[in-house]
Amino acid sequence: MGLLLAFLPFIVFAIVDRFVGPTEALLLAALVSFILLLRDWFILGKAPKILDIGTTILFSGLALYALLGGPMGSIFVVRLAVDAGLLAVS
């Protein structure tokens, strides 16, 4: 179950991106990853995992870039950036 929760931001990103749009998907995925990071750290009292920290940084950075008006390109470019970030974290 813990592994599935670690990939929840990516699942949320894929679903919201499909039905709403990439900027909203990045924002929601950043929020979910931040909530999971805080949950592990403060509520469960566990040390944060590298995947959780990297996912939070990845989605927060991409969401901030999208909000500041950076050229996002096509949905393919956004998905490629998310996949490359997951590869880098892994």
PDB file of N, CA and C in Angstrom:
ATOM      1  N   MET A   1       0.825  -1.191   0.000  1.00  0.00           N
ATOM      2  CA  MET A   1       0.000   0.000   0.000  1.00  0.00           C
ATOM      3  C   MET A   1       0.867   1.251   0.000  1.00  0.00           C
ATOM      4  N   GLY A   2       1.997   1.226   0.695  1.00  0.00           N
ATOM      5  CA  GLY A   2       2.869   2.376   0.751  1.00  0.00           C
ATOM      6  C   GLY A   2       3.441   2.743  -0.601  1.00  0.00           C
ATOM      7  N   LEU A   3       3.753   1.735  -1.419  1.00  0.00           N
ATOM      8  CA  LEU A   3       4.284   2.003  -2.743  1.00  0.00           C
ATOM      9  C   LEU A   3       3.233   2.649  -3.637  1.00  0.00           C
ATOM     10  N   LEU A   4       2.002   2.211  -3.496  1.00  0.00           N
ATOM     11  CA  LEU A   4       0.919   2.819  -4.276  1.00  0.00           C
ATOM     12  C   LEU A   4       0.711   4.273  -3.860  1.00  0.00           C
ATOM     13  N   LEU A   5       0.810   4.557  -2.570  1.00  0.00           N
ATOM     14  CA  LEU A   5       0.690   5.938  -2.103  1.00  0.00           C
ATOM     15  C   LEU A   5       1.841   6.803  -2.598  1.00  0.00           C
ATOM     16  N   ALA A   6       3.022   6.228  -2.751  1.00  0.00           N
ATOM     17  CA  ALA A   6       4.166   6.990  -3.237  1.00  0.00           C
ATOM     18  C   ALA A   6       3.947   7.447  -4.679  1.00  0.00           C
ATOM     19  N   PHE A   7       3.210   6.678  -5.457  1.00  0.00           N
ATOM     20  CA  PHE A   7       2.950   7.033  -6.844  1.00  0.00           C
ATOM     21  C   PHE A   7       1.608   7.727  -7.035  1.00  0.00           C
ATOM     22  N   LEU A   8       0.912   8.024  -5.947  1.00  0.00           N
ATOM     23  CA  LEU A   8      -0.377   8.701  -6.039  1.00  0.00           C
ATOM     24  C   LEU A   8      -0.299  10.051  -6.746  1.00  0.00           C
ATOM     25  N   PRO A   9       0.713  10.887  -6.514  1.00  0.00           N
ATOM     26  CA  PRO A   9       0.774  12.145  -7.267  1.00  0.00           C
ATOM     27  C   PRO A   9       0.861  11.946  -8.778  1.00  0.00           C
ATOM     28  N   PHE A  10       1.563  10.912  -9.211  1.00  0.00           N
ATOM     29  CA  PHE A  10       1.664  10.627 -10.642  1.00  0.00           C
ATOM     30  C   PHE A  10       0.328  10.136 -11.202  1.00  0.00           C
ATOM     31  N   ILE A  11      -0.395   9.367 -10.408  1.00  0.00           N
ATOM     32  CA  ILE A  11      -1.716   8.896 -10.822  1.00  0.00           C
ATOM     33  C   ILE A  11      -2.680  10.067 -10.911  1.00  0.00           C
ATOM     34  N   VAL A  12      -2.648  10.943  -9.908  1.00  0.00           N
ATOM     35  CA  VAL A  12      -3.496  12.139  -9.918  1.00  0.00           C
ATOM     36  C   VAL A  12      -3.151  13.012 -11.116  1.00  0.00           C
ATOM     37  N   PHE A  13      -1.867  13.186 -11.390  1.00  0.00           N
ATOM     38  CA  PHE A  13      -1.456  13.983 -12.539  1.00  0.00           C
ATOM     39  C   PHE A  13      -2.018  13.407 -13.832  1.00  0.00           C
ATOM     40  N   ALA A  14      -1.899  12.106 -14.016  1.00  0.00           N
ATOM     41  CA  ALA A  14      -2.367  11.482 -15.257  1.00  0.00           C
ATOM     42  C   ALA A  14      -3.873  11.638 -15.440  1.00  0.00           C
ATOM     43  N   ILE A  15      -4.628  11.469 -14.369  1.00  0.00           N
ATOM     44  CA  ILE A  15      -6.095  11.551 -14.469  1.00  0.00           C
ATOM     45  C   ILE A  15      -6.547  12.991 -14.699  1.00  0.00           C
ATOM     46  N   VAL A  16      -6.038  13.916 -13.907  1.00  0.00           N
ATOM     47  CA  VAL A  16      -6.462  15.318 -14.039  1.00  0.00           C
ATOM     48  C   VAL A  16      -5.976  15.902 -15.365  1.00  0.00           C
ATOM     49  N   ASP A  17      -4.794  15.527 -15.787  1.00  0.00           N
ATOM     50  CA  ASP A  17      -4.272  16.001 -17.058  1.00  0.00           C
ATOM     51  C   ASP A  17      -5.154  15.567 -18.219  1.00  0.00           C
ATOM     52  N   ARG A  18      -5.645  14.381 -18.128  1.00  0.00           N
ATOM     53  CA  ARG A  18      -6.492  13.838 -19.199  1.00  0.00           C
ATOM     54  C   ARG A  18      -7.814  14.591 -19.309  1.00  0.00           C
ATOM     55  N   PHE A  19      -8.399  14.962 -18.180  1.00  0.00           N
ATOM     56  CA  PHE A  19      -9.741  15.542 -18.196  1.00  0.00           C
ATOM     57  C   PHE A  19      -9.785  17.059 -18.033  1.00  0.00           C
ATOM     58  N   VAL A  20      -8.764  17.675 -17.449  1.00  0.00           N
ATOM     59  CA  VAL A  20      -8.817  19.113 -17.176  1.00  0.00           C
ATOM     60  C   VAL A  20      -7.733  19.858 -17.949  1.00  0.00           C
ATOM     61  N   GLY A  21      -6.477  19.571 -17.661  1.00  0.00           N
ATOM     62  CA  GLY A  21      -5.383  20.260 -18.331  1.00  0.00           C
ATOM     63  C   GLY A  21      -4.085  20.099 -17.570  1.00  0.00           C
ATOM     64  N   PRO A  22      -2.968  20.420 -18.218  1.00  0.00           N
ATOM     65  CA  PRO A  22      -1.672  20.161 -17.580  1.00  0.00           C
ATOM     66  C   PRO A  22      -1.353  21.065 -16.390  1.00  0.00           C
ATOM     67  N   THR A  23      -1.711  22.333 -16.459  1.00  0.00           N
ATOM     68  CA  THR A  23      -1.392  23.232 -15.345  1.00  0.00           C
ATOM     69  C   THR A  23      -2.137  22.833 -14.086  1.00  0.00           C
ATOM     70  N   GLU A  24      -3.419  22.564 -14.224  1.00  0.00           N
ATOM     71  CA  GLU A  24      -4.218  22.130 -13.078  1.00  0.00           C
ATOM     72  C   GLU A  24      -3.732  20.791 -12.547  1.00  0.00           C
ATOM     73  N   ALA A  25      -3.323  19.913 -13.457  1.00  0.00           N
ATOM     74  CA  ALA A  25      -2.826  18.599 -13.043  1.00  0.00           C
ATOM     75  C   ALA A  25      -1.525  18.738 -12.260  1.00  0.00           C
ATOM     76  N   LEU A  26      -0.649  19.634 -12.705  1.00  0.00           N
ATOM     77  CA  LEU A  26       0.603  19.851 -11.979  1.00  0.00           C
ATOM     78  C   LEU A  26       0.348  20.429 -10.592  1.00  0.00           C
ATOM     79  N   LEU A  27      -0.580  21.375 -10.506  1.00  0.00           N
ATOM     80  CA  LEU A  27      -0.914  21.975  -9.202  1.00  0.00           C
ATOM     81  C   LEU A  27      -1.486  20.940  -8.240  1.00  0.00           C
ATOM     82  N   LEU A  28      -2.414  20.138  -8.720  1.00  0.00           N
ATOM     83  CA  LEU A  28      -3.035  19.130  -7.855  1.00  0.00           C
ATOM     84  C   LEU A  28      -2.040  18.043  -7.458  1.00  0.00           C
ATOM     85  N   ALA A  29      -1.192  17.633  -8.390  1.00  0.00           N
ATOM     86  CA  ALA A  29      -0.177  16.625  -8.071  1.00  0.00           C
ATOM     87  C   ALA A  29       0.822  17.178  -7.056  1.00  0.00           C
ATOM     88  N   ALA A  30       1.180  18.460  -7.174  1.00  0.00           N
ATOM     89  CA  ALA A  30       2.079  19.078  -6.193  1.00  0.00           C
ATOM     90  C   ALA A  30       1.427  19.096  -4.813  1.00  0.00           C
ATOM     91  N   LEU A  31       0.156  19.422  -4.765  1.00  0.00           N
ATOM     92  CA  LEU A  31      -0.569  19.442  -3.496  1.00  0.00           C
ATOM     93  C   LEU A  31      -0.637  18.049  -2.876  1.00  0.00           C
ATOM     94  N   VAL A  32      -0.948  17.055  -3.672  1.00  0.00           N
ATOM     95  CA  VAL A  32      -1.032  15.674  -3.163  1.00  0.00           C
ATOM     96  C   VAL A  32       0.332  15.208  -2.661  1.00  0.00           C
ATOM     97  N   SER A  33       1.394  15.490  -3.410  1.00  0.00           N
ATOM     98  CA  SER A  33       2.721  15.047  -2.979  1.00  0.00           C
ATOM     99  C   SER A  33       3.160  15.755  -1.695  1.00  0.00           C
ATOM    100  N   PHE A  34       2.801  17.039  -1.571  1.00  0.00           N
ATOM    101  CA  PHE A  34       3.140  17.777  -0.350  1.00  0.00           C
ATOM    102  C   PHE A  34       2.368  17.225   0.850  1.00  0.00           C
ATOM    103  N   ILE A  35       1.099  16.898   0.657  1.00  0.00           N
ATOM    104  CA  ILE A  35       0.287  16.321   1.734  1.00  0.00           C
ATOM    105  C   ILE A  35       0.851  14.971   2.169  1.00  0.00           C
ATOM    106  N   LEU A  36       1.246  14.145   1.204  1.00  0.00           N
ATOM    107  CA  LEU A  36       1.826  12.842   1.548  1.00  0.00           C
ATOM    108  C   LEU A  36       3.152  13.002   2.288  1.00  0.00           C
ATOM    109  N   LEU A  37       3.942  13.990   1.887  1.00  0.00           N
ATOM    110  CA  LEU A  37       5.207  14.244   2.566  1.00  0.00           C
ATOM    111  C   LEU A  37       4.972  14.672   4.010  1.00  0.00           C
ATOM    112  N   LEU A  38       4.033  15.591   4.208  1.00  0.00           N
ATOM    113  CA  LEU A  38       3.707  16.040   5.565  1.00  0.00           C
ATOM    114  C   LEU A  38       3.098  14.911   6.395  1.00  0.00           C
ATOM    115  N   ARG A  39       2.287  14.072   5.773  1.00  0.00           N
ATOM    116  CA  ARG A  39       1.664  12.938   6.470  1.00  0.00           C
ATOM    117  C   ARG A  39       2.733  12.003   7.022  1.00  0.00           C
ATOM    118  N   ASP A  40       3.681  11.631   6.189  1.00  0.00           N
ATOM    119  CA  ASP A  40       4.738  10.730   6.648  1.00  0.00           C
ATOM    120  C   ASP A  40       5.596  11.382   7.723  1.00  0.00           C
ATOM    121  N   TRP A  41       5.903  12.644   7.534  1.00  0.00           N
ATOM    122  CA  TRP A  41       6.842  13.322   8.410  1.00  0.00           C
ATOM    123  C   TRP A  41       6.241  13.648   9.768  1.00  0.00           C
ATOM    124  N   PHE A  42       5.073  14.264   9.777  1.00  0.00           N
ATOM    125  CA  PHE A  42       4.512  14.746  11.043  1.00  0.00           C
ATOM    126  C   PHE A  42       3.518  13.789  11.683  1.00  0.00           C
ATOM    127  N   ILE A  43       2.620  13.229  10.907  1.00  0.00           N
ATOM    128  CA  ILE A  43       1.572  12.388  11.501  1.00  0.00           C
ATOM    129  C   ILE A  43       2.107  11.005  11.843  1.00  0.00           C
ATOM    130  N   LEU A  44       2.814  10.372  10.894  1.00  0.00           N
ATOM    131  CA  LEU A  44       3.326   9.032  11.152  1.00  0.00           C
ATOM    132  C   LEU A  44       4.684   9.043  11.839  1.00  0.00           C
ATOM    133  N   GLY A  45       5.357  10.187  11.835  1.00  0.00           N
ATOM    134  CA  GLY A  45       6.643  10.303  12.509  1.00  0.00           C
ATOM    135  C   GLY A  45       7.784   9.580  11.816  1.00  0.00           C
ATOM    136  N   LYS A  46       7.616   9.272  10.524  1.00  0.00           N
ATOM    137  CA  LYS A  46       8.669   8.594   9.772  1.00  0.00           C
ATOM    138  C   LYS A  46       9.520   9.624   9.050  1.00  0.00           C
ATOM    139  N   ALA A  47      10.753   9.247   8.780  1.00  0.00           N
ATOM    140  CA  ALA A  47      11.620  10.115   7.984  1.00  0.00           C
ATOM    141  C   ALA A  47      11.100  10.145   6.546  1.00  0.00           C
ATOM    142  N   PRO A  48      11.132  11.310   5.915  1.00  0.00           N
ATOM    143  CA  PRO A  48      10.641  11.389   4.539  1.00  0.00           C
ATOM    144  C   PRO A  48      11.509  10.562   3.592  1.00  0.00           C
ATOM    145  N   LYS A  49      10.859   9.943   2.623  1.00  0.00           N
ATOM    146  CA  LYS A  49      11.562   9.114   1.647  1.00  0.00           C
ATOM    147  C   LYS A  49      12.033   9.986   0.483  1.00  0.00           C
ATOM    148  N   ILE A  50      13.080   9.524  -0.174  1.00  0.00           N
ATOM    149  CA  ILE A  50      13.646  10.254  -1.313  1.00  0.00           C
ATOM    150  C   ILE A  50      12.594  10.427  -2.410  1.00  0.00           C
ATOM    151  N   LEU A  51      11.799   9.406  -2.670  1.00  0.00           N
ATOM    152  CA  LEU A  51      10.780   9.494  -3.712  1.00  0.00           C
ATOM    153  C   LEU A  51       9.752  10.568  -3.374  1.00  0.00           C
ATOM    154  N   ASP A  52       9.351  10.660  -2.122  1.00  0.00           N
ATOM    155  CA  ASP A  52       8.384  11.682  -1.710  1.00  0.00           C
ATOM    156  C   ASP A  52       8.964  13.091  -1.830  1.00  0.00           C
ATOM    157  N   ILE A  53      10.198  13.266  -1.406  1.00  0.00           N
ATOM    158  CA  ILE A  53      10.838  14.573  -1.497  1.00  0.00           C
ATOM    159  C   ILE A  53      11.037  14.968  -2.962  1.00  0.00           C
ATOM    160  N   GLY A  54      11.531  14.033  -3.761  1.00  0.00           N
ATOM    161  CA  GLY A  54      11.751  14.313  -5.177  1.00  0.00           C
ATOM    162  C   GLY A  54      10.471  14.598  -5.925  1.00  0.00           C
ATOM    163  N   THR A  55       9.408  13.879  -5.601  1.00  0.00           N
ATOM    164  CA  THR A  55       8.120  14.103  -6.246  1.00  0.00           C
ATOM    165  C   THR A  55       7.565  15.473  -5.885  1.00  0.00           C
ATOM    166  N   THR A  56       7.701  15.854  -4.627  1.00  0.00           N
ATOM    167  CA  THR A  56       7.234  17.172  -4.205  1.00  0.00           C
ATOM    168  C   THR A  56       8.004  18.278  -4.920  1.00  0.00           C
ATOM    169  N   ILE A  57       9.314  18.138  -5.009  1.00  0.00           N
ATOM    170  CA  ILE A  57      10.130  19.136  -5.706  1.00  0.00           C
ATOM    171  C   ILE A  57       9.788  19.172  -7.189  1.00  0.00           C
ATOM    172  N   LEU A  58       9.633  18.016  -7.795  1.00  0.00           N
ATOM    173  CA  LEU A  58       9.330  17.927  -9.220  1.00  0.00           C
ATOM    174  C   LEU A  58       8.017  18.619  -9.567  1.00  0.00           C
ATOM    175  N   PHE A  59       6.938  18.219  -8.907  1.00  0.00           N
ATOM    176  CA  PHE A  59       5.634  18.783  -9.241  1.00  0.00           C
ATOM    177  C   PHE A  59       5.513  20.242  -8.812  1.00  0.00           C
ATOM    178  N   SER A  60       6.121  20.606  -7.694  1.00  0.00           N
ATOM    179  CA  SER A  60       6.073  22.006  -7.260  1.00  0.00           C
ATOM    180  C   SER A  60       6.836  22.898  -8.237  1.00  0.00           C
ATOM    181  N   GLY A  61       7.990  22.440  -8.668  1.00  0.00           N
ATOM    182  CA  GLY A  61       8.770  23.211  -9.625  1.00  0.00           C
ATOM    183  C   GLY A  61       8.075  23.368 -10.963  1.00  0.00           C
ATOM    184  N   LEU A  62       7.511  22.282 -11.470  1.00  0.00           N
ATOM    185  CA  LEU A  62       6.804  22.353 -12.752  1.00  0.00           C
ATOM    186  C   LEU A  62       5.533  23.196 -12.640  1.00  0.00           C
ATOM    187  N   ALA A  63       4.838  23.091 -11.521  1.00  0.00           N
ATOM    188  CA  ALA A  63       3.626  23.898 -11.333  1.00  0.00           C
ATOM    189  C   ALA A  63       3.980  25.375 -11.226  1.00  0.00           C
ATOM    190  N   LEU A  64       5.045  25.695 -10.509  1.00  0.00           N
ATOM    191  CA  LEU A  64       5.484  27.080 -10.401  1.00  0.00           C
ATOM    192  C   LEU A  64       5.897  27.626 -11.764  1.00  0.00           C
ATOM    193  N   TYR A  65       6.602  26.830 -12.529  1.00  0.00           N
ATOM    194  CA  TYR A  65       7.006  27.222 -13.872  1.00  0.00           C
ATOM    195  C   TYR A  65       5.785  27.489 -14.752  1.00  0.00           C
ATOM    196  N   ALA A  66       4.780  26.628 -14.648  1.00  0.00           N
ATOM    197  CA  ALA A  66       3.562  26.816 -15.443  1.00  0.00           C
ATOM    198  C   ALA A  66       2.794  28.052 -14.995  1.00  0.00           C
ATOM    199  N   LEU A  67       2.748  28.304 -13.695  1.00  0.00           N
ATOM    200  CA  LEU A  67       2.019  29.471 -13.186  1.00  0.00           C
ATOM    201  C   LEU A  67       2.709  30.792 -13.525  1.00  0.00           C
ATOM    202  N   LEU A  68       4.024  30.774 -13.595  1.00  0.00           N
ATOM    203  CA  LEU A  68       4.759  31.989 -13.918  1.00  0.00           C
ATOM    204  C   LEU A  68       4.759  32.292 -15.412  1.00  0.00           C
ATOM    205  N   GLY A  69       4.093  31.449 -16.182  1.00  0.00           N
ATOM    206  CA  GLY A  69       3.933  31.717 -17.605  1.00  0.00           C
ATOM    207  C   GLY A  69       5.040  31.193 -18.475  1.00  0.00           C
ATOM    208  N   GLY A  70       5.766  30.217 -17.984  1.00  0.00           N
ATOM    209  CA  GLY A  70       6.808  29.612 -18.808  1.00  0.00           C
ATOM    210  C   GLY A  70       6.187  28.877 -19.984  1.00  0.00           C
ATOM    211  N   PRO A  71       6.898  28.792 -21.078  1.00  0.00           N
ATOM    212  CA  PRO A  71       6.336  28.090 -22.237  1.00  0.00           C
ATOM    213  C   PRO A  71       6.226  26.591 -21.958  1.00  0.00           C
ATOM    214  N   MET A  72       5.012  26.102 -21.790  1.00  0.00           N
ATOM    215  CA  MET A  72       4.786  24.702 -21.439  1.00  0.00           C
ATOM    216  C   MET A  72       4.874  23.781 -22.648  1.00  0.00           C
ATOM    217  N   GLY A  73       4.602  24.308 -23.836  1.00  0.00           N
ATOM    218  CA  GLY A  73       4.633  23.443 -25.007  1.00  0.00           C
ATOM    219  C   GLY A  73       3.405  22.555 -25.034  1.00  0.00           C
ATOM    220  N   SER A  74       3.529  21.454 -25.697  1.00  0.00           N
ATOM    221  CA  SER A  74       2.399  20.540 -25.822  1.00  0.00           C
ATOM    222  C   SER A  74       2.287  19.664 -24.578  1.00  0.00           C
ATOM    223  N   ILE A  75       1.207  18.938 -24.514  1.00  0.00           N
ATOM    224  CA  ILE A  75       1.002  18.009 -23.398  1.00  0.00           C
ATOM    225  C   ILE A  75       2.087  16.938 -23.401  1.00  0.00           C
ATOM    226  N   PHE A  76       2.596  16.620 -24.571  1.00  0.00           N
ATOM    227  CA  PHE A  76       3.683  15.650 -24.679  1.00  0.00           C
ATOM    228  C   PHE A  76       4.918  16.143 -23.940  1.00  0.00           C
ATOM    229  N   VAL A  77       5.229  17.426 -24.060  1.00  0.00           N
ATOM    230  CA  VAL A  77       6.400  18.005 -23.393  1.00  0.00           C
ATOM    231  C   VAL A  77       6.227  17.964 -21.877  1.00  0.00           C
ATOM    232  N   VAL A  78       5.019  18.257 -21.398  1.00  0.00           N
ATOM    233  CA  VAL A  78       4.756  18.230 -19.957  1.00  0.00           C
ATOM    234  C   VAL A  78       4.888  16.804 -19.429  1.00  0.00           C
ATOM    235  N   ARG A  79       4.312  15.852 -20.128  1.00  0.00           N
ATOM    236  CA  ARG A  79       4.421  14.451 -19.689  1.00  0.00           C
ATOM    237  C   ARG A  79       5.861  13.973 -19.736  1.00  0.00           C
ATOM    238  N   LEU A  80       6.598  14.404 -20.762  1.00  0.00           N
ATOM    239  CA  LEU A  80       8.006  14.038 -20.859  1.00  0.00           C
ATOM    240  C   LEU A  80       8.796  14.610 -19.684  1.00  0.00           C
ATOM    241  N   ALA A  81       8.498  15.842 -19.278  1.00  0.00           N
ATOM    242  CA  ALA A  81       9.168  16.458 -18.130  1.00  0.00           C
ATOM    243  C   ALA A  81       8.860  15.701 -16.847  1.00  0.00           C
ATOM    244  N   VAL A  82       7.610  15.291 -16.665  1.00  0.00           N
ATOM    245  CA  VAL A  82       7.234  14.525 -15.473  1.00  0.00           C
ATOM    246  C   VAL A  82       7.921  13.157 -15.475  1.00  0.00           C
ATOM    247  N   ASP A  83       7.930  12.495 -16.622  1.00  0.00           N
ATOM    248  CA  ASP A  83       8.580  11.180 -16.703  1.00  0.00           C
ATOM    249  C   ASP A  83      10.087  11.281 -16.503  1.00  0.00           C
ATOM    250  N   ALA A  84      10.703  12.324 -17.062  1.00  0.00           N
ATOM    251  CA  ALA A  84      12.129  12.528 -16.860  1.00  0.00           C
ATOM    252  C   ALA A  84      12.448  12.827 -15.394  1.00  0.00           C
ATOM    253  N   GLY A  85      11.556  13.564 -14.747  1.00  0.00           N
ATOM    254  CA  GLY A  85      11.744  13.829 -13.319  1.00  0.00           C
ATOM    255  C   GLY A  85      11.632  12.576 -12.488  1.00  0.00           C
ATOM    256  N   LEU A  86      10.683  11.716 -12.820  1.00  0.00           N
ATOM    257  CA  LEU A  86      10.555  10.438 -12.114  1.00  0.00           C
ATOM    258  C   LEU A  86      11.796   9.579 -12.332  1.00  0.00           C
ATOM    259  N   LEU A  87      12.306   9.586 -13.550  1.00  0.00           N
ATOM    260  CA  LEU A  87      13.532   8.833 -13.840  1.00  0.00           C
ATOM    261  C   LEU A  87      14.708   9.369 -13.024  1.00  0.00           C
ATOM    262  N   ALA A  88      14.808  10.692 -12.943  1.00  0.00           N
ATOM    263  CA  ALA A  88      15.902  11.290 -12.190  1.00  0.00           C
ATOM    264  C   ALA A  88      15.795  10.970 -10.694  1.00  0.00           C
ATOM    265  N   VAL A  89      14.587  10.985 -10.164  1.00  0.00           N
ATOM    266  CA  VAL A  89      14.396  10.675  -8.743  1.00  0.00           C
ATOM    267  C   VAL A  89      14.684   9.207  -8.468  1.00  0.00           C
ATOM    268  N   SER A  90      14.258   8.366  -9.398  1.00  0.00           N
ATOM    269  CA  SER A  90      14.462   6.922  -9.223  1.00  0.00           C
ATOM    270  C   SER A  90      15.932   6.583  -9.303  1.00  0.00           C
TER     271      SER A  90
END
